[in-house]
Structures are given as structure tokens and as C-alpha cells.
Amino acid sequence: MAAPLHELLRAAGEPTRLRILNLLRRRSLCVCDLQVVLCIPQSTVSRHLAALRHASLVTDERSGQRVVYSLASPKVLPIQALRRLLAECCPTDETLRADEVRFRRVFAQSKCCPPSEAQ
């Protein structure tokens, strides 16, 4: 069950969390992937992922020694709407576009964890 709408929006509206959600709309990622692409410390990534998980915006699944994070399933209307918002608005934001460029570059150079399944 999704968190109340005000909690979803509060969690998604924080700039670093929005950057994380933008990348997770592309594919599932582990903390080390996000750390490399966003150029922020592991502890910061983990703290923001915990807040997103608490708001039911992301899910996590253990894969060996890593935990892989994904956008929550679009089974409820607020999550469906958030996915549409991310898809339509993220490409217009300069910071989020730069993250996506780094994302493609990093994965093209295979500096992150092995690819997980695409979203």
C-alpha cells in the first residue's frame, strides 16, 4: 500500500531523491551504481533510498551481496501518476539530464555493478 499522498510528494520533492527516482525510472540500480552516477557518498545515497522506501516509492531486493532498488510497482494511482510525471518532466530539467548523460557514460564504460533487468 502506498503512503499518503503528502508523504509521497514530500519524499519525491527533495532534489537528491528526485535525481534517484529519475535514474530508477530507467532501470533497477544498487547503491554503488547510484553513488557513481550521482557523485555523492554511499551514506547519502542510502539515507535517501531509506526515505523513498519508507514512502513506498521504491522497493528493494537482495541480489547476492547487493541490494537492488527499483521504482515501486504502478499498482496504485499515485505511483502511476509519479511515473508519468517523471517521464514527462525529468527530460526538461538540466540537472536530471546531466545525471542521465553520466548514467549512460558510466554504464557504457562498465564502471558500475553488472546491469540488472531493465524497468
C-alpha atoms as a PDB file:
ATOM      1  CA  MET A   1       0.000   0.000   0.000  1.00  0.00           C
ATOM      2  CA  ALA A   2       1.308   3.442  -0.900  1.00  0.00           C
ATOM      3  CA  ALA A   3       1.955   6.092   1.716  1.00  0.00           C
ATOM      4  CA  PRO A   4      -0.436   9.061   1.935  1.00  0.00           C
ATOM      5  CA  LEU A   5      -0.097  11.469  -0.980  1.00  0.00           C
ATOM      6  CA  HIS A   6       1.533  14.232   1.076  1.00  0.00           C
ATOM      7  CA  GLU A   7       4.269  11.777   2.180  1.00  0.00           C
ATOM      8  CA  LEU A   8       4.843  10.631  -1.410  1.00  0.00           C
ATOM      9  CA  LEU A   9       5.189  14.203  -2.597  1.00  0.00           C
ATOM     10  CA  ARG A  10       7.433  15.223   0.314  1.00  0.00           C
ATOM     11  CA  ALA A  11       9.746  12.276  -0.349  1.00  0.00           C
ATOM     12  CA  ALA A  12       9.800  12.735  -4.125  1.00  0.00           C
ATOM     13  CA  GLY A  13      10.224  16.504  -3.936  1.00  0.00           C
ATOM     14  CA  GLU A  14      13.648  16.510  -2.276  1.00  0.00           C
ATOM     15  CA  PRO A  15      16.249  17.256  -5.018  1.00  0.00           C
ATOM     16  CA  THR A  16      18.567  14.271  -4.423  1.00  0.00           C
ATOM     17  CA  ARG A  17      15.620  11.890  -4.128  1.00  0.00           C
ATOM     18  CA  LEU A  18      14.204  13.232  -7.362  1.00  0.00           C
ATOM     19  CA  ARG A  19      17.557  12.540  -9.023  1.00  0.00           C
ATOM     20  CA  ILE A  20      17.451   8.969  -7.682  1.00  0.00           C
ATOM     21  CA  LEU A  21      13.863   8.438  -8.878  1.00  0.00           C
ATOM     22  CA  ASN A  22      14.814   9.768 -12.296  1.00  0.00           C
ATOM     23  CA  LEU A  23      17.579   7.162 -12.628  1.00  0.00           C
ATOM     24  CA  LEU A  24      15.425   4.349 -11.260  1.00  0.00           C
ATOM     25  CA  ARG A  25      12.814   5.041 -13.923  1.00  0.00           C
ATOM     26  CA  ARG A  26      15.437   3.807 -16.401  1.00  0.00           C
ATOM     27  CA  ARG A  27      16.321   0.574 -14.604  1.00  0.00           C
ATOM     28  CA  SER A  28      16.922  -1.038 -11.237  1.00  0.00           C
ATOM     29  CA  LEU A  29      20.166   0.023  -9.572  1.00  0.00           C
ATOM     30  CA  CYS A  30      22.201  -0.712  -6.472  1.00  0.00           C
ATOM     31  CA  VAL A  31      23.629   1.894  -4.094  1.00  0.00           C
ATOM     32  CA  CYS A  32      27.063   1.695  -5.717  1.00  0.00           C
ATOM     33  CA  ASP A  33      25.524   2.451  -9.141  1.00  0.00           C
ATOM     34  CA  LEU A  34      23.736   5.496  -7.780  1.00  0.00           C
ATOM     35  CA  GLN A  35      26.807   6.646  -5.876  1.00  0.00           C
ATOM     36  CA  VAL A  36      28.955   6.644  -9.020  1.00  0.00           C
ATOM     37  CA  VAL A  37      26.396   8.322 -11.263  1.00  0.00           C
ATOM     38  CA  LEU A  38      25.309  10.978  -8.769  1.00  0.00           C
ATOM     39  CA  CYS A  39      28.827  11.590  -7.389  1.00  0.00           C
ATOM     40  CA  ILE A  40      27.626  11.557  -3.791  1.00  0.00           C
ATOM     41  CA  PRO A  41      28.708   9.438  -0.788  1.00  0.00           C
ATOM     42  CA  GLN A  42      27.260   5.986  -0.189  1.00  0.00           C
ATOM     43  CA  SER A  43      25.787   7.081   3.142  1.00  0.00           C
ATOM     44  CA  THR A  44      23.887   9.911   1.454  1.00  0.00           C
ATOM     45  CA  VAL A  45      22.502   7.586  -1.216  1.00  0.00           C
ATOM     46  CA  SER A  46      21.452   5.047   1.434  1.00  0.00           C
ATOM     47  CA  ARG A  47      19.749   7.701   3.571  1.00  0.00           C
ATOM     48  CA  HIS A  48      17.711   8.984   0.623  1.00  0.00           C
ATOM     49  CA  LEU A  49      16.804   5.471  -0.509  1.00  0.00           C
ATOM     50  CA  ALA A  50      15.547   4.723   3.012  1.00  0.00           C
ATOM     51  CA  ALA A  51      13.260   7.769   2.847  1.00  0.00           C
ATOM     52  CA  LEU A  52      11.985   6.724  -0.596  1.00  0.00           C
ATOM     53  CA  ARG A  53      11.405   3.177   0.642  1.00  0.00           C
ATOM     54  CA  HIS A  54       9.555   4.483   3.716  1.00  0.00           C
ATOM     55  CA  ALA A  55       7.253   6.486   1.399  1.00  0.00           C
ATOM     56  CA  SER A  56       6.657   3.330  -0.712  1.00  0.00           C
ATOM     57  CA  LEU A  57       8.233   4.933  -3.795  1.00  0.00           C
ATOM     58  CA  VAL A  58      10.959   2.331  -4.228  1.00  0.00           C
ATOM     59  CA  THR A  59      11.337  -1.344  -3.486  1.00  0.00           C
ATOM     60  CA  ASP A  60      14.482  -3.279  -2.718  1.00  0.00           C
ATOM     61  CA  GLU A  61      15.569  -6.815  -3.424  1.00  0.00           C
ATOM     62  CA  ARG A  62      18.722  -8.595  -2.376  1.00  0.00           C
ATOM     63  CA  SER A  63      20.904  -9.813  -5.250  1.00  0.00           C
ATOM     64  CA  GLY A  64      23.899 -11.632  -3.788  1.00  0.00           C
ATOM     65  CA  GLN A  65      25.681  -9.159  -1.534  1.00  0.00           C
ATOM     66  CA  ARG A  66      23.993  -6.141  -3.114  1.00  0.00           C
ATOM     67  CA  VAL A  67      20.563  -4.657  -2.625  1.00  0.00           C
ATOM     68  CA  VAL A  68      18.950  -3.596  -5.890  1.00  0.00           C
ATOM     69  CA  TYR A  69      16.412  -0.756  -5.851  1.00  0.00           C
ATOM     70  CA  SER A  70      13.521  -0.255  -8.261  1.00  0.00           C
ATOM     71  CA  LEU A  71      10.652   2.162  -8.633  1.00  0.00           C
ATOM     72  CA  ALA A  72       7.570   0.877  -6.859  1.00  0.00           C
ATOM     73  CA  SER A  73       5.094  -1.049  -8.951  1.00  0.00           C
ATOM     74  CA  PRO A  74       2.492   1.212 -10.553  1.00  0.00           C
ATOM     75  CA  LYS A  75      -0.418  -0.670  -8.954  1.00  0.00           C
ATOM     76  CA  VAL A  76      -1.788   2.413  -7.220  1.00  0.00           C
ATOM     77  CA  LEU A  77      -2.802   5.687  -8.830  1.00  0.00           C
ATOM     78  CA  PRO A  78      -0.265   7.977  -7.072  1.00  0.00           C
ATOM     79  CA  ILE A  79       2.638   5.763  -8.205  1.00  0.00           C
ATOM     80  CA  GLN A  80       1.246   5.663 -11.764  1.00  0.00           C
ATOM     81  CA  ALA A  81       0.998   9.456 -11.750  1.00  0.00           C
ATOM     82  CA  LEU A  82       4.522   9.843 -10.364  1.00  0.00           C
ATOM     83  CA  ARG A  83       5.907   7.604 -13.105  1.00  0.00           C
ATOM     84  CA  ARG A  84       4.158   9.732 -15.759  1.00  0.00           C
ATOM     85  CA  LEU A  85       5.426  12.931 -14.132  1.00  0.00           C
ATOM     86  CA  LEU A  86       8.994  11.615 -14.089  1.00  0.00           C
ATOM     87  CA  ALA A  87       8.793  10.512 -17.730  1.00  0.00           C
ATOM     88  CA  GLU A  88       7.388  13.832 -18.913  1.00  0.00           C
ATOM     89  CA  CYS A  89       9.203  16.348 -16.715  1.00  0.00           C
ATOM     90  CA  CYS A  90      12.639  14.917 -15.944  1.00  0.00           C
ATOM     91  CA  PRO A  91      13.931  15.354 -19.504  1.00  0.00           C
ATOM     92  CA  THR A  92      13.318  19.097 -19.205  1.00  0.00           C
ATOM     93  CA  ASP A  93      15.462  19.586 -16.071  1.00  0.00           C
ATOM     94  CA  GLU A  94      19.133  20.432 -16.638  1.00  0.00           C
ATOM     95  CA  THR A  95      20.458  18.567 -13.565  1.00  0.00           C
ATOM     96  CA  LEU A  96      18.424  15.461 -14.318  1.00  0.00           C
ATOM     97  CA  ARG A  97      19.555  15.486 -17.959  1.00  0.00           C
ATOM     98  CA  ALA A  98      23.182  15.709 -16.802  1.00  0.00           C
ATOM     99  CA  ASP A  99      22.605  12.719 -14.493  1.00  0.00           C
ATOM    100  CA  GLU A 100      21.265  10.728 -17.420  1.00  0.00           C
ATOM    101  CA  VAL A 101      24.289  11.611 -19.554  1.00  0.00           C
ATOM    102  CA  ARG A 102      26.598  10.423 -16.732  1.00  0.00           C
ATOM    103  CA  PHE A 103      24.406   7.325 -16.308  1.00  0.00           C
ATOM    104  CA  ARG A 104      24.860   6.367 -19.975  1.00  0.00           C
ATOM    105  CA  ARG A 105      28.594   7.134 -19.882  1.00  0.00           C
ATOM    106  CA  VAL A 106      29.223   5.168 -16.682  1.00  0.00           C
ATOM    107  CA  PHE A 107      27.330   2.113 -17.868  1.00  0.00           C
ATOM    108  CA  ALA A 108      28.931   2.274 -21.313  1.00  0.00           C
ATOM    109  CA  GLN A 109      32.319   2.120 -19.546  1.00  0.00           C
ATOM    110  CA  SER A 110      31.104  -0.685 -17.221  1.00  0.00           C
ATOM    111  CA  LYS A 111      32.304   1.037 -14.035  1.00  0.00           C
ATOM    112  CA  CYS A 112      29.242   0.065 -12.034  1.00  0.00           C
ATOM    113  CA  CYS A 113      27.718  -3.153 -10.913  1.00  0.00           C
ATOM    114  CA  PRO A 114      26.607  -5.619 -13.578  1.00  0.00           C
ATOM    115  CA  PRO A 115      23.373  -4.485 -15.243  1.00  0.00           C
ATOM    116  CA  SER A 116      20.169  -5.619 -13.610  1.00  0.00           C
ATOM    117  CA  GLU A 117      16.991  -6.110 -15.558  1.00  0.00           C
ATOM    118  CA  ALA A 118      15.629  -3.022 -17.286  1.00  0.00           C
ATOM    119  CA  GLN A 119      12.429  -1.494 -15.979  1.00  0.00           C
END
